[in-house]
Structure formats: C-alpha cells, structure tokens
C-alpha cells in the first residue's frame, strides 16, 4: 500500500509534537508539512527535543500551497475554523483537534466559546471511533473530541445506552500538559506542584460536548455535571464517574459485565480484568482508555473510573486512529504500543 502525505498545521504545541512522534513510524504515512508561523525554518527538535533525528523543519505556507492527502489542524479554537475550509477546498481531508467543529448546534458553540462561528455550513463527524466509526470512514472533516469528553463519554456510554441512569457527575483530574505548551500563572511550577486545583467548576467548555454526545444514546435526556481538577502530573486524565442507578435489582458485577461486553471488540478500550482500578501511569504514552473500579454502594450509587493519556487518546493518538479509519488502514497502525508504566 502506498503512503499518504500528511500535514500538521500548528505543530509547535504538545499535540503537534505527539502527532510527529506517533506518525514518524507509521507504516503508511509520509509527514510532508509541519507548520508554525513563529518557528518557520527551525528544526522541529528545537521545540520537541524527543524528535532528535527526525529531519523535519517548521514551515509557514499558505493553505493553497499545502499539498497533502490529509492535514491535522492543531490550531487553537477560533484560529482553526478560519483555515480548515481552505484545506477542504483544496481536496484535503481534515482532522481538527480544536473545539471549532465539535457541535451540531452552532449556537451551543457560540455560547460556550464566546465567539461567532465563521463557517456554520461545514458539517463534521465527531471523531470518537467507538461511537462513530462508520461515519468516520467517509468523512472529509473530523472533529477530534476533547480530552475530558473522551474519558467521560467512554466511562458513561454503556449505562446511558441501557438507560440505567439519568444523571451523571464527572470528576476529572488532569495533568498539566492539558493546559498546552504556553506557560501561565496556573501552570507555574510553584502553583501547581503539591496542589490540586478545581477550575471552571460548573462552566468548562467540554461540558456541552459531553452532554450532546451522551444525549444521542438511551432516552436522550441524561443530565451531566462536570468538574475538572488540575493535578501535579504531566500527562493523563483520571475520571471518576458518579451516578445513581434507576433500578435496584442490579449488582456491581452486572455493571462490570455490561462494560466488558459493550467494549469487547474495541481495541483501545480496556475494561480491566478483576475490575482493577485504572492508573494514569499504565496508559501514559498510549492510545488506550482503561476502565475499572466499578463499584456500587448501599444507596445504589454507581462509581466507574476511567484513565487516558490526554495527549494521546485524548488528542493526537485519537486523531491518528481517525485517520486510519478514514484511509482504510488498520486502526492500530502507529498506535499499537502499550503504556510507559512506571
């Protein structure tokens, strides 16, 4: 099978670096273009020192001068929607890692992101393969899910689809890399080390994304509350999913078996043997989502725990998983390595 030419737009950040790290050994990919307006002409290793030996330089071409089969847009929200249409017009397929195309209701986007959407006419497929694989195959524009929604949705789907719950509370702990490569007051070492910091307690932008996707399942009216916390680790998102069962004749073993059956054919979702508790260290650097710790208390409160690497399954790895589906490659190509524990 011949290789496809790939471009990474906005490759100076963590997700751009992860895309290069994962794609450089992909059996069907030639990385042709990596862009960064501020770093034009510099070798990629100047920002991504782990890419020593990767002979790529940042460039800053106009979209009309990019000639690839697919581009990954790793630009911030707002910036991405300005350029994505130009790549589509030039017959390139696009996986967008920003939030610009994740919502079917543009008004929801404009409310939560506080900006006008410039291209409401563009329709994207929400790129969570575990729910949209068949639609992803033929799509030209994929909206790669957010990192928090990936862990939150995967930890919720079986119980929502079976209409076992009607309200879910998601408590997520995220590594500092989720804030991006640009330093800030919140990510300053003395601020985030030896500390756990809740933020955007009831108004995080990923909340409506989770709600919209989960409401496509079950009764369609599940309520979702989501609160993220910044924790002093570099990578990973651990999500503790709380809900109250609507039926009293179900055991924790029943729920565990439901999850095992639901994800039995999903390569990158692992419901852990013996219902072990997922660990961030076990998924670090990998495209896997681990689910476990499924427990039920004496008041029918259900707890489900999921763990992902926010930069891989939560971003760049999932983007490559989507690309593999779009081009008919094996879904595991470039992604079939395990986590980096310890």
Protein backbone atom coordinates (compact mmCIF):
# COMPACT_ATOMS: atom_id res chain seq x y z
CA UNK A 1 0.00 0.00 0.00
CA UNK A 2 1.39 3.41 -0.97
CA UNK A 3 1.95 6.07 1.67
CA UNK A 4 -0.23 9.13 2.14
CA UNK A 5 1.16 12.64 2.56
CA UNK A 6 0.28 14.23 5.88
CA UNK A 7 0.42 17.80 7.09
CA UNK A 8 0.35 19.03 10.68
CA UNK A 9 -0.92 22.59 10.97
CA UNK A 10 0.20 24.30 14.14
CA UNK A 11 2.82 21.74 15.02
CA UNK A 12 4.66 23.69 17.70
CA UNK A 13 2.46 22.60 20.61
CA UNK A 14 2.27 19.39 22.59
CA UNK A 15 -0.36 17.82 20.31
CA UNK A 16 1.70 18.66 17.24
CA UNK A 17 4.75 17.07 18.82
CA UNK A 18 2.77 13.96 19.70
CA UNK A 19 1.44 13.71 16.16
CA UNK A 20 5.00 13.72 14.84
CA UNK A 21 6.21 11.24 17.46
CA UNK A 22 3.46 8.79 16.59
CA UNK A 23 3.40 9.32 12.82
CA UNK A 24 7.13 9.12 12.18
CA UNK A 25 6.99 5.32 12.40
CA UNK A 26 3.53 4.89 10.88
CA UNK A 27 3.82 2.33 8.06
CA UNK A 28 1.56 4.25 5.64
CA UNK A 29 2.45 7.90 6.31
CA UNK A 30 4.90 10.41 4.92
CA UNK A 31 4.99 13.55 7.07
CA UNK A 32 5.25 16.20 4.36
CA UNK A 33 4.42 19.51 6.03
CA UNK A 34 4.63 20.75 9.63
CA UNK A 35 3.73 24.37 10.17
CA UNK A 36 4.45 27.02 12.76
CA UNK A 37 4.24 30.70 11.94
CA UNK A 38 6.55 31.73 14.79
CA UNK A 39 9.15 28.99 14.20
CA UNK A 40 9.44 28.94 10.41
CA UNK A 41 12.74 27.43 9.26
CA UNK A 42 13.64 25.87 12.60
CA UNK A 43 14.14 22.11 13.02
CA UNK A 44 11.27 20.51 14.91
CA UNK A 45 13.66 19.27 17.60
CA UNK A 46 14.16 22.86 18.78
CA UNK A 47 10.70 22.64 20.37
CA UNK A 48 10.32 18.87 20.59
CA UNK A 49 13.71 17.56 21.77
CA UNK A 50 12.47 13.96 21.79
CA UNK A 51 12.36 14.17 17.97
CA UNK A 52 16.16 14.17 17.61
CA UNK A 53 16.94 12.56 14.26
CA UNK A 54 13.59 13.47 12.70
CA UNK A 55 14.57 15.53 9.65
CA UNK A 56 11.67 17.96 9.61
CA UNK A 57 11.54 21.76 9.73
CA UNK A 58 8.68 24.07 10.56
CA UNK A 59 7.31 25.97 7.59
CA UNK A 60 4.61 28.60 7.16
CA UNK A 61 2.91 28.02 3.81
CA UNK A 62 -0.42 29.40 2.68
CA UNK A 63 -3.12 26.72 2.75
CA UNK A 64 -3.24 26.86 -1.05
CA UNK A 65 0.43 25.80 -1.17
CA UNK A 66 -0.06 22.73 1.03
CA UNK A 67 -0.36 19.52 -0.98
CA UNK A 68 -1.31 16.64 1.30
CA UNK A 69 -3.87 13.88 1.43
CA UNK A 70 -4.86 14.85 4.96
CA UNK A 71 -3.99 17.60 7.41
CA UNK A 72 -4.26 17.61 11.18
CA UNK A 73 -5.22 21.05 12.42
CA UNK A 74 -3.67 21.51 15.86
CA UNK A 75 -4.53 25.19 16.00
CA UNK A 76 -6.41 26.85 18.87
CA UNK A 77 -10.17 27.21 18.63
CA UNK A 78 -11.09 30.25 16.63
CA UNK A 79 -7.95 30.04 14.51
CA UNK A 80 -8.76 26.59 13.17
CA UNK A 81 -12.14 27.46 11.66
CA UNK A 82 -10.51 30.24 9.62
CA UNK A 83 -8.18 27.83 7.80
CA UNK A 84 -9.95 24.46 7.72
CA UNK A 85 -12.27 25.46 4.84
CA UNK A 86 -9.28 26.28 2.64
CA UNK A 87 -7.79 22.82 3.12
CA UNK A 88 -11.15 21.22 2.36
CA UNK A 89 -11.48 23.37 -0.77
CA UNK A 90 -8.09 22.04 -1.91
CA UNK A 91 -9.38 18.44 -1.72
CA UNK A 92 -7.61 17.59 1.52
CA UNK A 93 -9.29 15.71 4.32
CA UNK A 94 -9.02 17.30 7.75
CA UNK A 95 -8.90 16.11 11.35
CA UNK A 96 -9.40 19.18 13.52
CA UNK A 97 -8.16 18.96 17.11
CA UNK A 98 -9.74 22.23 18.25
CA UNK A 99 -13.29 22.67 19.51
CA UNK A 100 -14.44 24.55 16.43
CA UNK A 101 -16.42 21.77 14.73
CA UNK A 102 -17.49 19.52 17.62
CA UNK A 103 -21.05 20.77 17.97
CA UNK A 104 -24.03 20.07 15.75
CA UNK A 105 -25.70 23.15 17.24
CA UNK A 106 -23.61 26.20 16.33
CA UNK A 107 -25.40 28.29 18.96
CA UNK A 108 -24.02 25.98 21.63
CA UNK A 109 -20.52 26.59 20.33
CA UNK A 110 -21.01 30.35 20.22
CA UNK A 111 -22.40 30.41 23.76
CA UNK A 112 -19.66 28.33 25.39
CA UNK A 113 -16.72 29.61 23.33
CA UNK A 114 -17.96 33.20 23.29
CA UNK A 115 -17.29 33.83 19.60
CA UNK A 116 -19.12 33.81 16.31
CA UNK A 117 -18.66 30.67 14.23
CA UNK A 118 -17.42 31.69 10.79
CA UNK A 119 -18.42 28.52 8.93
CA UNK A 120 -21.64 27.05 10.32
CA UNK A 121 -22.27 25.45 6.93
CA UNK A 122 -19.48 22.91 7.45
CA UNK A 123 -20.58 19.57 8.88
CA UNK A 124 -18.07 17.45 10.76
CA UNK A 125 -18.22 13.94 12.17
CA UNK A 126 -17.47 13.75 15.87
CA UNK A 127 -14.34 11.64 15.88
CA UNK A 128 -14.86 9.20 18.73
CA UNK A 129 -14.37 5.89 16.86
CA UNK A 130 -16.17 3.85 19.48
CA UNK A 131 -19.46 5.55 18.55
CA UNK A 132 -18.97 6.94 15.03
CA UNK A 133 -16.67 4.51 13.23
CA UNK A 134 -18.94 4.02 10.21
CA UNK A 135 -19.44 7.77 9.72
CA UNK A 136 -15.73 8.47 10.12
CA UNK A 137 -14.84 6.22 7.17
CA UNK A 138 -16.29 8.53 4.54
CA UNK A 139 -15.89 11.89 6.26
CA UNK A 140 -13.80 14.74 4.92
CA UNK A 141 -13.86 16.70 8.17
CA UNK A 142 -13.43 15.08 11.58
CA UNK A 143 -13.91 16.97 14.83
CA UNK A 144 -11.50 15.24 17.17
CA UNK A 145 -13.04 15.00 20.65
CA UNK A 146 -11.74 16.91 23.61
CA UNK A 147 -9.61 15.08 26.14
CA UNK A 148 -12.08 15.29 29.04
CA UNK A 149 -15.04 14.23 26.86
CA UNK A 150 -13.14 11.17 25.63
CA UNK A 151 -12.68 9.75 29.14
CA UNK A 152 -16.06 10.96 30.34
CA UNK A 153 -18.08 9.62 27.40
CA UNK A 154 -16.35 6.24 27.30
CA UNK A 155 -16.95 5.79 31.03
CA UNK A 156 -20.65 6.57 30.57
CA UNK A 157 -21.84 5.03 27.31
CA UNK A 158 -22.93 1.55 28.47
CA UNK A 159 -25.04 2.76 31.38
CA UNK A 160 -26.55 5.61 29.36
CA UNK A 161 -27.42 3.45 26.39
CA UNK A 162 -29.04 0.87 28.67
CA UNK A 163 -30.98 3.70 30.40
CA UNK A 164 -29.69 2.67 33.81
CA UNK A 165 -29.01 6.27 34.88
CA UNK A 166 -30.42 9.69 34.10
CA UNK A 167 -27.79 11.87 35.77
CA UNK A 168 -24.00 11.62 35.74
CA UNK A 169 -21.41 13.57 37.72
CA UNK A 170 -17.93 13.52 36.23
CA UNK A 171 -14.97 14.42 38.44
CA UNK A 172 -11.78 14.57 36.35
CA UNK A 173 -8.17 15.03 37.38
CA UNK A 174 -5.90 16.29 34.58
CA UNK A 175 -2.16 16.56 34.12
CA UNK A 176 -0.64 19.97 33.46
CA UNK A 177 0.10 19.25 29.78
CA UNK A 178 -3.64 19.60 29.18
CA UNK A 179 -3.20 23.36 29.54
CA UNK A 180 -0.92 23.44 26.49
CA UNK A 181 2.68 24.39 25.87
CA UNK A 182 2.38 28.07 26.72
CA UNK A 183 3.16 28.75 30.41
CA UNK A 184 0.59 30.51 32.58
CA UNK A 185 0.04 31.50 36.19
CA UNK A 186 -1.93 28.29 36.77
CA UNK A 187 0.80 26.05 35.33
CA UNK A 188 3.71 27.81 37.05
CA UNK A 189 5.63 25.13 38.97
CA UNK A 190 5.13 26.56 42.49
CA UNK A 191 1.42 26.99 41.78
CA UNK A 192 0.55 23.53 40.53
CA UNK A 193 3.05 21.37 42.43
CA UNK A 194 1.87 19.92 45.78
CA UNK A 195 -1.59 21.19 44.93
CA UNK A 196 -4.91 20.12 43.43
CA UNK A 197 -6.88 22.92 41.85
CA UNK A 198 -10.50 22.71 40.69
CA UNK A 199 -11.25 25.11 37.84
CA UNK A 200 -14.17 26.06 35.59
CA UNK A 201 -16.19 24.29 38.26
CA UNK A 202 -19.57 24.45 36.52
CA UNK A 203 -18.76 26.06 33.18
CA UNK A 204 -16.00 24.14 31.45
CA UNK A 205 -16.32 24.18 27.65
CA UNK A 206 -16.18 20.41 27.45
CA UNK A 207 -19.43 20.07 29.41
CA UNK A 208 -21.80 20.70 26.48
CA UNK A 209 -19.67 18.43 24.29
CA UNK A 210 -20.17 15.53 26.70
CA UNK A 211 -23.87 16.31 27.05
CA UNK A 212 -24.50 16.48 23.31
CA UNK A 213 -22.86 13.14 22.60
CA UNK A 214 -24.40 11.24 25.51
CA UNK A 215 -27.85 12.53 24.64
CA UNK A 216 -27.63 10.65 21.36
CA UNK A 217 -27.98 7.45 23.40
CA UNK A 218 -30.56 5.90 25.69
CA UNK A 219 -33.54 8.12 26.46
CA UNK A 220 -31.74 11.18 25.15
CA UNK A 221 -32.22 13.30 28.27
CA UNK A 222 -29.34 12.36 30.54
CA UNK A 223 -28.08 15.23 32.70
CA UNK A 224 -24.33 15.72 33.05
CA UNK A 225 -22.35 17.73 35.57
CA UNK A 226 -18.60 18.02 35.05
CA UNK A 227 -15.78 19.50 37.13
CA UNK A 228 -12.09 19.29 36.18
CA UNK A 229 -9.14 19.49 38.55
CA UNK A 230 -5.51 20.28 37.78
CA UNK A 231 -3.15 17.83 39.48
CA UNK A 232 0.67 17.86 39.66
CA UNK A 233 1.39 15.29 36.96
CA UNK A 234 2.43 15.90 33.37
CA UNK A 235 0.13 13.53 31.44
CA UNK A 236 -3.16 11.84 31.98
CA UNK A 237 -6.81 12.25 32.89
CA UNK A 238 -8.42 10.15 35.60
CA UNK A 239 -12.21 10.47 35.57
CA UNK A 240 -14.41 9.26 38.42
CA UNK A 241 -17.93 8.83 37.12
CA UNK A 242 -20.74 9.02 39.73
CA UNK A 243 -24.39 8.18 39.06
CA UNK A 244 -27.41 6.69 40.80
CA UNK A 245 -28.96 3.58 39.29
CA UNK A 246 -32.62 3.80 38.33
CA UNK A 247 -33.07 0.08 39.04
CA UNK A 248 -32.43 -1.59 42.39
CA UNK A 249 -32.03 -5.18 41.23
CA UNK A 250 -28.63 -4.66 39.54
CA UNK A 251 -25.29 -5.53 41.12
CA UNK A 252 -21.82 -4.13 40.57
CA UNK A 253 -20.92 -7.40 38.86
CA UNK A 254 -23.81 -6.86 36.46
CA UNK A 255 -22.46 -3.43 35.55
CA UNK A 256 -18.92 -4.74 35.21
CA UNK A 257 -20.12 -7.47 32.83
CA UNK A 258 -22.12 -4.89 30.88
CA UNK A 259 -18.96 -2.85 30.31
CA UNK A 260 -16.94 -5.94 29.38
CA UNK A 261 -19.50 -6.95 26.80
CA UNK A 262 -20.00 -3.42 25.46
CA UNK A 263 -16.30 -2.86 24.75
CA UNK A 264 -15.23 -6.43 23.97
CA UNK A 265 -14.44 -5.59 20.33
CA UNK A 266 -12.81 -2.22 20.99
CA UNK A 267 -9.03 -2.47 20.76
CA UNK A 268 -8.33 0.78 22.57
CA UNK A 269 -10.83 0.49 25.41
CA UNK A 270 -9.74 -1.94 28.08
CA UNK A 271 -12.18 -2.92 30.83
CA UNK A 272 -9.68 -4.22 33.32
CA UNK A 273 -9.59 -7.84 34.45
CA UNK A 274 -10.75 -8.38 38.03
CA UNK A 275 -12.22 -4.86 37.90
CA UNK A 276 -8.88 -3.33 38.84
CA UNK A 277 -8.66 0.43 39.32
CA UNK A 278 -7.15 2.24 36.28
CA UNK A 279 -3.83 4.01 36.71
CA UNK A 280 -2.58 7.07 34.84
CA UNK A 281 0.88 5.53 34.70
CA UNK A 282 -0.50 2.48 32.89
CA UNK A 283 -1.82 4.47 29.91
CA UNK A 284 0.92 7.10 29.70
CA UNK A 285 2.11 7.49 26.11
CA UNK A 286 -0.53 5.09 24.78
CA UNK A 287 -3.84 5.35 22.93
CA UNK A 288 -5.67 3.17 25.44
CA UNK A 289 -8.56 4.06 27.71
CA UNK A 290 -8.70 1.87 30.81
CA UNK A 291 -11.99 1.40 32.66
CA UNK A 292 -12.41 -0.29 36.04
CA UNK A 293 -13.04 0.22 39.73
CA UNK A 294 -16.75 -0.32 39.06
CA UNK A 295 -18.46 -0.18 42.44
CA UNK A 296 -21.95 0.19 43.87
CA UNK A 297 -22.71 1.42 47.38
CA UNK A 298 -25.68 0.59 49.60
CA UNK A 299 -27.66 3.55 48.26
CA UNK A 300 -27.34 2.44 44.63
CA UNK A 301 -24.66 5.00 43.79
CA UNK A 302 -22.50 3.68 40.98
CA UNK A 303 -18.84 4.62 40.52
CA UNK A 304 -16.88 3.95 37.31
CA UNK A 305 -13.27 5.04 36.81
CA UNK A 306 -11.50 5.71 33.51
CA UNK A 307 -7.94 6.70 32.66
CA UNK A 308 -6.44 8.07 29.42
CA UNK A 309 -3.35 9.93 28.31
CA UNK A 310 -4.75 13.37 27.49
CA UNK A 311 -2.21 13.91 24.70
CA UNK A 312 -2.75 10.53 23.01
CA UNK A 313 -6.24 9.01 23.29
CA UNK A 314 -7.33 12.47 24.40
CA UNK A 315 -5.86 14.20 21.35
CA UNK A 316 -3.16 13.13 18.87
CA UNK A 317 -3.49 9.35 19.13
CA UNK A 318 -7.23 9.51 18.64
CA UNK A 319 -6.68 11.83 15.66
CA UNK A 320 -4.42 9.19 14.09
CA UNK A 321 -6.96 6.49 14.93
CA UNK A 322 -9.49 8.55 12.97
CA UNK A 323 -7.07 8.93 10.06
CA UNK A 324 -6.52 5.17 9.99
CA UNK A 325 -10.26 4.61 9.70
CA UNK A 326 -10.63 7.27 7.01
CA UNK A 327 -7.97 5.70 4.78
CA UNK A 328 -8.76 2.06 5.42
CA UNK A 329 -5.59 1.32 7.38
CA UNK A 330 -5.52 -0.98 10.38
CA UNK A 331 -6.90 1.02 13.27
CA UNK A 332 -3.85 0.18 15.35
CA UNK A 333 -1.26 1.35 12.79
CA UNK A 334 1.17 3.70 14.52
CA UNK A 335 -0.66 3.21 17.82
CA UNK A 336 -0.09 -0.39 18.85
CA UNK A 337 2.28 0.27 21.75
CA UNK A 338 1.46 -0.09 25.43
CA UNK A 339 1.76 2.47 28.19
CA UNK A 340 5.01 3.60 29.83
CA UNK A 341 4.49 2.34 33.40
CA UNK A 342 6.15 3.15 35.71
